[in-house]
Amino acid sequence: MNAIFGMAVYGLIMQIHNGAWAMGRAAVLTPLAAGGAWMIALPALYIFKSAWGSKLNVYATVLAASVTVCFGAWAMLASVPINWFFSLSLPFPTIRALINIVIFAGVGVCMADVFLRVFHALEPDRSLSSGFWWLVLHAVIGMELFSLFGIFAF
């Protein structure tokens, strides 16, 4: 629930300059895109980890990925004041796009760090390459869904 809430509030603020209808639409579509990317890529995480010799079961894998998602949602929620400030003080589409790209990239790097640390703690003797490739897959699917839903339409 916190992932849905964090992404919904961030999506709402992303469209603050386009009025109430666009804000409500983004509040619904942003968690759908982020959650959709996670759900589409999640089976690949278990497959990648198993192919690289992981002994984690499905439940441990999903729980570890969920920790990362929750962290990312809280980081997005913490970024709302930054986005809000710059969206209102510098009302230029290029600046808004740049601010959102920086925030998404920063949160993405932090999420990748948390993700890799969690899996390293669970299996310290395993390579992190399977997790890295899953992160790349997840990021590509996420970018595609965000683009498809028009979330970055400034």
N, C-alpha and C. Protein backbone atom coordinates (compact mmCIF):
# COMPACT_ATOMS: atom_id res chain seq x y z
N MET A 1 0.82 -1.20 0.00
CA MET A 1 0.00 0.00 0.00
C MET A 1 0.86 1.26 0.00
N ASN A 2 2.01 1.20 0.71
CA ASN A 2 2.84 2.41 0.71
C ASN A 2 3.46 2.67 -0.66
N ALA A 3 3.71 1.63 -1.43
CA ALA A 3 4.24 1.83 -2.78
C ALA A 3 3.19 2.51 -3.66
N ILE A 4 1.96 2.07 -3.54
CA ILE A 4 0.88 2.69 -4.33
C ILE A 4 0.70 4.14 -3.90
N PHE A 5 0.67 4.38 -2.60
CA PHE A 5 0.50 5.74 -2.09
C PHE A 5 1.64 6.66 -2.52
N GLY A 6 2.88 6.20 -2.35
CA GLY A 6 4.03 7.03 -2.72
C GLY A 6 4.06 7.38 -4.19
N MET A 7 3.80 6.41 -5.04
CA MET A 7 3.82 6.67 -6.48
C MET A 7 2.61 7.52 -6.91
N ALA A 8 1.47 7.32 -6.26
CA ALA A 8 0.28 8.11 -6.60
C ALA A 8 0.49 9.58 -6.26
N VAL A 9 1.04 9.86 -5.09
CA VAL A 9 1.29 11.25 -4.70
C VAL A 9 2.32 11.88 -5.62
N TYR A 10 3.37 11.14 -5.96
CA TYR A 10 4.37 11.70 -6.86
C TYR A 10 3.77 11.97 -8.24
N GLY A 11 2.97 11.04 -8.75
CA GLY A 11 2.32 11.24 -10.04
C GLY A 11 1.39 12.44 -10.02
N LEU A 12 0.70 12.62 -8.92
CA LEU A 12 -0.19 13.77 -8.76
C LEU A 12 0.58 15.07 -8.87
N ILE A 13 1.72 15.15 -8.21
CA ILE A 13 2.53 16.37 -8.22
C ILE A 13 3.19 16.58 -9.58
N MET A 14 3.50 15.50 -10.28
CA MET A 14 4.13 15.64 -11.60
C MET A 14 3.25 16.43 -12.57
N GLN A 15 1.95 16.35 -12.39
CA GLN A 15 1.02 17.00 -13.32
C GLN A 15 0.33 18.21 -12.70
N ILE A 16 0.92 18.79 -11.67
CA ILE A 16 0.30 19.91 -10.97
C ILE A 16 0.05 21.11 -11.90
N HIS A 17 0.85 21.26 -12.90
CA HIS A 17 0.74 22.39 -13.82
C HIS A 17 -0.36 22.19 -14.87
N ASN A 18 -0.91 20.98 -14.99
CA ASN A 18 -1.92 20.68 -16.01
C ASN A 18 -3.35 20.62 -15.48
N GLY A 19 -3.57 20.92 -14.22
CA GLY A 19 -4.92 20.94 -13.68
C GLY A 19 -5.33 19.66 -12.98
N ALA A 20 -6.51 19.72 -12.39
CA ALA A 20 -7.00 18.64 -11.53
C ALA A 20 -7.20 17.33 -12.29
N TRP A 21 -7.74 17.39 -13.51
CA TRP A 21 -7.99 16.16 -14.27
C TRP A 21 -6.68 15.42 -14.56
N ALA A 22 -5.68 16.13 -15.02
CA ALA A 22 -4.38 15.51 -15.31
C ALA A 22 -3.72 15.01 -14.03
N MET A 23 -3.88 15.73 -12.95
CA MET A 23 -3.31 15.28 -11.68
C MET A 23 -3.94 13.96 -11.22
N GLY A 24 -5.27 13.88 -11.31
CA GLY A 24 -5.95 12.65 -10.92
C GLY A 24 -5.58 11.48 -11.83
N ARG A 25 -5.48 11.75 -13.11
CA ARG A 25 -5.09 10.72 -14.07
C ARG A 25 -3.69 10.20 -13.76
N ALA A 26 -2.76 11.12 -13.50
CA ALA A 26 -1.39 10.71 -13.19
C ALA A 26 -1.31 9.98 -11.85
N ALA A 27 -2.17 10.36 -10.90
CA ALA A 27 -2.18 9.67 -9.60
C ALA A 27 -2.62 8.22 -9.73
N VAL A 28 -3.40 7.93 -10.74
CA VAL A 28 -3.84 6.55 -10.99
C VAL A 28 -2.82 5.81 -11.87
N LEU A 29 -2.35 6.48 -12.92
CA LEU A 29 -1.49 5.79 -13.90
C LEU A 29 -0.06 5.57 -13.42
N THR A 30 0.47 6.46 -12.59
CA THR A 30 1.85 6.30 -12.13
C THR A 30 2.05 5.03 -11.32
N PRO A 31 1.21 4.75 -10.30
CA PRO A 31 1.38 3.46 -9.61
C PRO A 31 1.08 2.26 -10.49
N LEU A 32 0.16 2.42 -11.45
CA LEU A 32 -0.11 1.31 -12.37
C LEU A 32 1.11 1.00 -13.23
N ALA A 33 1.77 2.03 -13.72
CA ALA A 33 2.97 1.81 -14.55
C ALA A 33 4.11 1.21 -13.72
N ALA A 34 4.34 1.78 -12.54
CA ALA A 34 5.43 1.26 -11.69
C ALA A 34 5.13 -0.16 -11.22
N GLY A 35 3.90 -0.40 -10.77
CA GLY A 35 3.52 -1.74 -10.33
C GLY A 35 3.48 -2.73 -11.48
N GLY A 36 3.04 -2.27 -12.63
CA GLY A 36 3.03 -3.14 -13.80
C GLY A 36 4.42 -3.57 -14.20
N ALA A 37 5.36 -2.64 -14.18
CA ALA A 37 6.75 -2.98 -14.51
C ALA A 37 7.30 -3.99 -13.52
N TRP A 38 6.97 -3.80 -12.26
CA TRP A 38 7.46 -4.73 -11.23
C TRP A 38 6.84 -6.11 -11.43
N MET A 39 5.54 -6.17 -11.68
CA MET A 39 4.86 -7.46 -11.83
C MET A 39 5.28 -8.19 -13.12
N ILE A 40 5.51 -7.44 -14.18
CA ILE A 40 5.93 -8.07 -15.44
C ILE A 40 7.35 -8.63 -15.31
N ALA A 41 8.21 -7.88 -14.63
CA ALA A 41 9.62 -8.29 -14.51
C ALA A 41 9.87 -9.28 -13.37
N LEU A 42 8.94 -9.40 -12.43
CA LEU A 42 9.17 -10.25 -11.25
C LEU A 42 9.46 -11.72 -11.57
N PRO A 43 8.72 -12.37 -12.46
CA PRO A 43 9.07 -13.76 -12.77
C PRO A 43 10.50 -13.90 -13.33
N ALA A 44 10.94 -12.91 -14.07
CA ALA A 44 12.30 -12.97 -14.62
C ALA A 44 13.34 -12.92 -13.51
N LEU A 45 13.03 -12.23 -12.41
CA LEU A 45 13.98 -12.19 -11.29
C LEU A 45 14.22 -13.59 -10.75
N TYR A 46 13.16 -14.33 -10.51
CA TYR A 46 13.31 -15.68 -9.99
C TYR A 46 14.04 -16.57 -11.01
N ILE A 47 13.72 -16.40 -12.27
CA ILE A 47 14.37 -17.20 -13.31
C ILE A 47 15.85 -16.87 -13.40
N PHE A 48 16.19 -15.56 -13.40
CA PHE A 48 17.60 -15.15 -13.44
C PHE A 48 18.35 -15.68 -12.23
N LYS A 49 17.77 -15.50 -11.05
CA LYS A 49 18.45 -15.94 -9.83
C LYS A 49 18.65 -17.46 -9.84
N SER A 50 17.64 -18.20 -10.27
CA SER A 50 17.77 -19.66 -10.32
C SER A 50 18.79 -20.10 -11.35
N ALA A 51 18.81 -19.44 -12.49
CA ALA A 51 19.76 -19.79 -13.54
C ALA A 51 21.20 -19.56 -13.09
N TRP A 52 21.41 -18.58 -12.23
CA TRP A 52 22.74 -18.29 -11.72
C TRP A 52 23.05 -19.05 -10.43
N GLY A 53 22.20 -20.02 -10.08
CA GLY A 53 22.51 -20.90 -8.97
C GLY A 53 21.96 -20.49 -7.61
N SER A 54 21.02 -19.58 -7.56
CA SER A 54 20.45 -19.16 -6.29
C SER A 54 19.59 -20.28 -5.71
N LYS A 55 19.62 -20.39 -4.41
CA LYS A 55 18.80 -21.38 -3.71
C LYS A 55 17.61 -20.74 -3.01
N LEU A 56 17.37 -19.46 -3.25
CA LEU A 56 16.23 -18.79 -2.63
C LEU A 56 14.93 -19.29 -3.25
N ASN A 57 13.92 -19.47 -2.40
CA ASN A 57 12.63 -19.86 -2.94
C ASN A 57 11.88 -18.63 -3.46
N VAL A 58 10.73 -18.85 -4.05
CA VAL A 58 9.96 -17.77 -4.66
C VAL A 58 9.57 -16.72 -3.62
N TYR A 59 9.16 -17.16 -2.43
CA TYR A 59 8.70 -16.23 -1.40
C TYR A 59 9.80 -15.30 -0.92
N ALA A 60 10.99 -15.84 -0.73
CA ALA A 60 12.12 -14.99 -0.31
C ALA A 60 12.50 -14.01 -1.40
N THR A 61 12.42 -14.44 -2.64
CA THR A 61 12.75 -13.57 -3.76
C THR A 61 11.75 -12.42 -3.86
N VAL A 62 10.47 -12.74 -3.76
CA VAL A 62 9.43 -11.71 -3.83
C VAL A 62 9.53 -10.76 -2.65
N LEU A 63 9.80 -11.28 -1.47
CA LEU A 63 9.93 -10.43 -0.29
C LEU A 63 11.12 -9.48 -0.42
N ALA A 64 12.23 -9.96 -0.92
CA ALA A 64 13.40 -9.10 -1.10
C ALA A 64 13.14 -8.03 -2.14
N ALA A 65 12.46 -8.38 -3.22
CA ALA A 65 12.11 -7.38 -4.24
C ALA A 65 11.10 -6.38 -3.68
N SER A 66 10.20 -6.84 -2.82
CA SER A 66 9.21 -5.94 -2.22
C SER A 66 9.85 -4.92 -1.29
N VAL A 67 10.89 -5.31 -0.59
CA VAL A 67 11.61 -4.36 0.26
C VAL A 67 12.15 -3.21 -0.58
N THR A 68 12.68 -3.53 -1.74
CA THR A 68 13.20 -2.51 -2.64
C THR A 68 12.10 -1.59 -3.14
N VAL A 69 10.96 -2.16 -3.49
CA VAL A 69 9.83 -1.37 -3.99
C VAL A 69 9.34 -0.41 -2.90
N CYS A 70 9.23 -0.90 -1.68
CA CYS A 70 8.79 -0.03 -0.58
C CYS A 70 9.77 1.11 -0.35
N PHE A 71 11.05 0.80 -0.39
CA PHE A 71 12.06 1.85 -0.23
C PHE A 71 11.92 2.89 -1.33
N GLY A 72 11.76 2.43 -2.56
CA GLY A 72 11.64 3.35 -3.69
C GLY A 72 10.41 4.23 -3.59
N ALA A 73 9.30 3.65 -3.13
CA ALA A 73 8.07 4.44 -2.99
C ALA A 73 8.24 5.53 -1.94
N TRP A 74 8.89 5.22 -0.83
CA TRP A 74 9.14 6.23 0.20
C TRP A 74 10.11 7.28 -0.31
N ALA A 75 11.06 6.88 -1.11
CA ALA A 75 12.00 7.87 -1.69
C ALA A 75 11.27 8.78 -2.67
N MET A 76 10.34 8.24 -3.45
CA MET A 76 9.55 9.08 -4.35
C MET A 76 8.67 10.04 -3.56
N LEU A 77 8.10 9.55 -2.49
CA LEU A 77 7.27 10.40 -1.64
C LEU A 77 8.11 11.52 -1.01
N ALA A 78 9.33 11.19 -0.63
CA ALA A 78 10.22 12.21 -0.06
C ALA A 78 10.65 13.23 -1.11
N SER A 79 10.57 12.87 -2.38
CA SER A 79 10.96 13.77 -3.46
C SER A 79 9.83 14.72 -3.88
N VAL A 80 8.64 14.52 -3.36
CA VAL A 80 7.50 15.35 -3.73
C VAL A 80 7.76 16.84 -3.48
N PRO A 81 8.27 17.25 -2.30
CA PRO A 81 8.51 18.68 -2.10
C PRO A 81 9.50 19.28 -3.10
N ILE A 82 10.50 18.52 -3.49
CA ILE A 82 11.48 19.01 -4.46
C ILE A 82 10.79 19.24 -5.80
N ASN A 83 10.03 18.25 -6.25
CA ASN A 83 9.31 18.38 -7.51
C ASN A 83 8.30 19.51 -7.45
N TRP A 84 7.58 19.60 -6.36
CA TRP A 84 6.57 20.63 -6.20
C TRP A 84 7.19 22.02 -6.25
N PHE A 85 8.28 22.21 -5.53
CA PHE A 85 8.94 23.51 -5.50
C PHE A 85 9.40 23.94 -6.89
N PHE A 86 10.11 23.06 -7.58
CA PHE A 86 10.65 23.43 -8.88
C PHE A 86 9.55 23.53 -9.95
N SER A 87 8.49 22.73 -9.83
CA SER A 87 7.39 22.82 -10.80
C SER A 87 6.66 24.15 -10.70
N LEU A 88 6.57 24.69 -9.48
CA LEU A 88 5.87 25.95 -9.29
C LEU A 88 6.77 27.16 -9.48
N SER A 89 8.03 27.03 -9.10
CA SER A 89 8.92 28.19 -9.19
C SER A 89 9.54 28.37 -10.57
N LEU A 90 9.74 27.29 -11.30
CA LEU A 90 10.29 27.35 -12.65
C LEU A 90 9.33 26.63 -13.60
N PRO A 91 8.26 27.30 -14.02
CA PRO A 91 7.20 26.61 -14.77
C PRO A 91 7.52 26.43 -16.26
N PHE A 92 8.64 25.81 -16.54
CA PHE A 92 9.04 25.55 -17.92
C PHE A 92 9.06 24.04 -18.14
N PRO A 93 8.48 23.57 -19.24
CA PRO A 93 8.42 22.12 -19.47
C PRO A 93 9.79 21.43 -19.45
N THR A 94 10.79 22.08 -19.97
CA THR A 94 12.13 21.48 -19.99
C THR A 94 12.68 21.31 -18.58
N ILE A 95 12.47 22.30 -17.74
CA ILE A 95 12.94 22.22 -16.35
C ILE A 95 12.18 21.12 -15.61
N ARG A 96 10.86 21.06 -15.81
CA ARG A 96 10.06 20.00 -15.15
C ARG A 96 10.53 18.62 -15.59
N ALA A 97 10.77 18.46 -16.87
CA ALA A 97 11.25 17.17 -17.36
C ALA A 97 12.61 16.83 -16.76
N LEU A 98 13.50 17.80 -16.72
CA LEU A 98 14.83 17.57 -16.16
C LEU A 98 14.76 17.20 -14.68
N ILE A 99 13.94 17.92 -13.92
CA ILE A 99 13.79 17.63 -12.48
C ILE A 99 13.26 16.21 -12.28
N ASN A 100 12.25 15.82 -13.05
CA ASN A 100 11.70 14.48 -12.90
C ASN A 100 12.68 13.40 -13.34
N ILE A 101 13.43 13.65 -14.37
CA ILE A 101 14.45 12.68 -14.80
C ILE A 101 15.51 12.51 -13.72
N VAL A 102 15.95 13.61 -13.13
CA VAL A 102 16.96 13.54 -12.06
C VAL A 102 16.40 12.79 -10.85
N ILE A 103 15.15 13.07 -10.48
CA ILE A 103 14.56 12.39 -9.33
C ILE A 103 14.39 10.90 -9.61
N PHE A 104 13.84 10.55 -10.76
CA PHE A 104 13.67 9.13 -11.09
C PHE A 104 15.02 8.42 -11.17
N ALA A 105 16.01 9.06 -11.76
CA ALA A 105 17.34 8.43 -11.85
C ALA A 105 17.96 8.26 -10.47
N GLY A 106 17.85 9.29 -9.64
CA GLY A 106 18.41 9.21 -8.28
C GLY A 106 17.74 8.13 -7.45
N VAL A 107 16.42 8.08 -7.49
CA VAL A 107 15.71 7.04 -6.75
C VAL A 107 16.02 5.67 -7.34
N GLY A 108 16.14 5.58 -8.65
CA GLY A 108 16.48 4.31 -9.28
C GLY A 108 17.84 3.79 -8.85
N VAL A 109 18.82 4.67 -8.77
CA VAL A 109 20.16 4.27 -8.32
C VAL A 109 20.10 3.81 -6.86
N CYS A 110 19.37 4.54 -6.03
CA CYS A 110 19.24 4.15 -4.62
C CYS A 110 18.51 2.81 -4.48
N MET A 111 17.46 2.62 -5.29
CA MET A 111 16.75 1.34 -5.26
C MET A 111 17.64 0.19 -5.71
N ALA A 112 18.43 0.43 -6.73
CA ALA A 112 19.35 -0.62 -7.20
C ALA A 112 20.34 -0.98 -6.10
N ASP A 113 20.83 0.02 -5.38
CA ASP A 113 21.75 -0.25 -4.28
C ASP A 113 21.08 -1.08 -3.19
N VAL A 114 19.86 -0.70 -2.81
CA VAL A 114 19.14 -1.46 -1.78
C VAL A 114 18.88 -2.88 -2.26
N PHE A 115 18.44 -3.01 -3.49
CA PHE A 115 18.14 -4.32 -4.05
C PHE A 115 19.36 -5.23 -4.02
N LEU A 116 20.48 -4.72 -4.51
CA LEU A 116 21.69 -5.55 -4.55
C LEU A 116 22.20 -5.87 -3.16
N ARG A 117 22.07 -4.94 -2.22
CA ARG A 117 22.50 -5.20 -0.83
C ARG A 117 21.62 -6.25 -0.16
N VAL A 118 20.31 -6.20 -0.41
CA VAL A 118 19.41 -7.19 0.19
C VAL A 118 19.75 -8.58 -0.32
N PHE A 119 19.93 -8.71 -1.63
CA PHE A 119 20.26 -10.03 -2.17
C PHE A 119 21.66 -10.48 -1.77
N HIS A 120 22.57 -9.55 -1.61
CA HIS A 120 23.90 -9.93 -1.14
C HIS A 120 23.83 -10.41 0.32
N ALA A 121 22.98 -9.79 1.12
CA ALA A 121 22.82 -10.23 2.51
C ALA A 121 22.17 -11.62 2.58
N LEU A 122 21.26 -11.91 1.67
CA LEU A 122 20.60 -13.21 1.66
C LEU A 122 21.52 -14.32 1.15
N GLU A 123 22.33 -13.99 0.16
CA GLU A 123 23.26 -14.97 -0.42
C GLU A 123 24.61 -14.31 -0.64
N PRO A 124 25.42 -14.21 0.40
CA PRO A 124 26.69 -13.49 0.27
C PRO A 124 27.70 -14.13 -0.68
N ASP A 125 27.56 -15.42 -0.94
CA ASP A 125 28.53 -16.09 -1.80
C ASP A 125 28.11 -16.08 -3.28
N ARG A 126 26.97 -15.51 -3.61
CA ARG A 126 26.48 -15.50 -4.98
C ARG A 126 26.86 -14.20 -5.69
N SER A 127 26.96 -14.28 -7.00
CA SER A 127 27.22 -13.11 -7.83
C SER A 127 25.98 -12.24 -7.89
N LEU A 128 26.19 -10.95 -8.00
CA LEU A 128 25.08 -10.01 -8.10
C LEU A 128 24.67 -9.74 -9.55
N SER A 129 25.28 -10.44 -10.49
CA SER A 129 25.00 -10.17 -11.90
C SER A 129 23.55 -10.50 -12.27
N SER A 130 22.96 -11.54 -11.68
CA SER A 130 21.57 -11.85 -11.99
C SER A 130 20.65 -10.72 -11.53
N GLY A 131 20.93 -10.17 -10.37
CA GLY A 131 20.15 -9.03 -9.89
C GLY A 131 20.34 -7.80 -10.76
N PHE A 132 21.55 -7.59 -11.22
CA PHE A 132 21.83 -6.43 -12.08
C PHE A 132 21.03 -6.52 -13.37
N TRP A 133 21.01 -7.70 -14.00
CA TRP A 133 20.28 -7.84 -15.27
C TRP A 133 18.78 -7.70 -15.07
N TRP A 134 18.30 -8.14 -13.90
CA TRP A 134 16.88 -7.94 -13.63
C TRP A 134 16.57 -6.46 -13.46
N LEU A 135 17.45 -5.72 -12.82
CA LEU A 135 17.25 -4.27 -12.66
C LEU A 135 17.19 -3.58 -14.02
N VAL A 136 18.05 -3.98 -14.93
CA VAL A 136 18.03 -3.41 -16.28
C VAL A 136 16.70 -3.72 -16.97
N LEU A 137 16.26 -4.97 -16.89
CA LEU A 137 14.98 -5.37 -17.47
C LEU A 137 13.83 -4.58 -16.86
N HIS A 138 13.83 -4.46 -15.56
CA HIS A 138 12.78 -3.73 -14.84
C HIS A 138 12.77 -2.25 -15.26
N ALA A 139 13.93 -1.64 -15.39
CA ALA A 139 14.01 -0.23 -15.79
C ALA A 139 13.48 -0.03 -17.21
N VAL A 140 13.82 -0.92 -18.11
CA VAL A 140 13.36 -0.80 -19.50
C VAL A 140 11.83 -0.95 -19.57
N ILE A 141 11.30 -1.95 -18.88
CA ILE A 141 9.85 -2.14 -18.88
C ILE A 141 9.17 -0.94 -18.24
N GLY A 142 9.72 -0.45 -17.14
CA GLY A 142 9.15 0.73 -16.48
C GLY A 142 9.13 1.95 -17.38
N MET A 143 10.23 2.20 -18.08
CA MET A 143 10.28 3.35 -19.00
C MET A 143 9.25 3.20 -20.12
N GLU A 144 9.09 1.98 -20.61
CA GLU A 144 8.11 1.74 -21.67
C GLU A 144 6.69 2.00 -21.17
N LEU A 145 6.37 1.53 -19.98
CA LEU A 145 5.02 1.73 -19.46
C LEU A 145 4.77 3.20 -19.12
N PHE A 146 5.75 3.88 -18.56
CA PHE A 146 5.59 5.30 -18.27
C PHE A 146 5.38 6.08 -19.56
N SER A 147 6.08 5.70 -20.61
CA SER A 147 5.92 6.35 -21.90
C SER A 147 4.56 6.02 -22.51
N LEU A 148 4.16 4.77 -22.44
CA LEU A 148 2.88 4.33 -22.98
C LEU A 148 1.71 5.05 -22.30
N PHE A 149 1.78 5.20 -20.98
CA PHE A 149 0.71 5.86 -20.23
C PHE A 149 0.79 7.39 -20.30
N GLY A 150 1.85 7.92 -20.91
CA GLY A 150 1.98 9.38 -21.05
C GLY A 150 2.21 10.10 -19.74
N ILE A 151 2.88 9.46 -18.82
CA ILE A 151 3.09 10.05 -17.50
C ILE A 151 4.06 11.23 -17.57
N PHE A 152 5.01 11.18 -18.46
CA PHE A 152 5.98 12.27 -18.58
C PHE A 152 5.55 13.32 -19.60
N ALA A 153 4.25 13.43 -19.86
CA ALA A 153 3.75 14.45 -20.79
C ALA A 153 3.71 15.79 -20.08
N PHE A 154 4.64 16.67 -20.43
CA PHE A 154 4.71 17.98 -19.78
C PHE A 154 4.17 19.01 -20.71
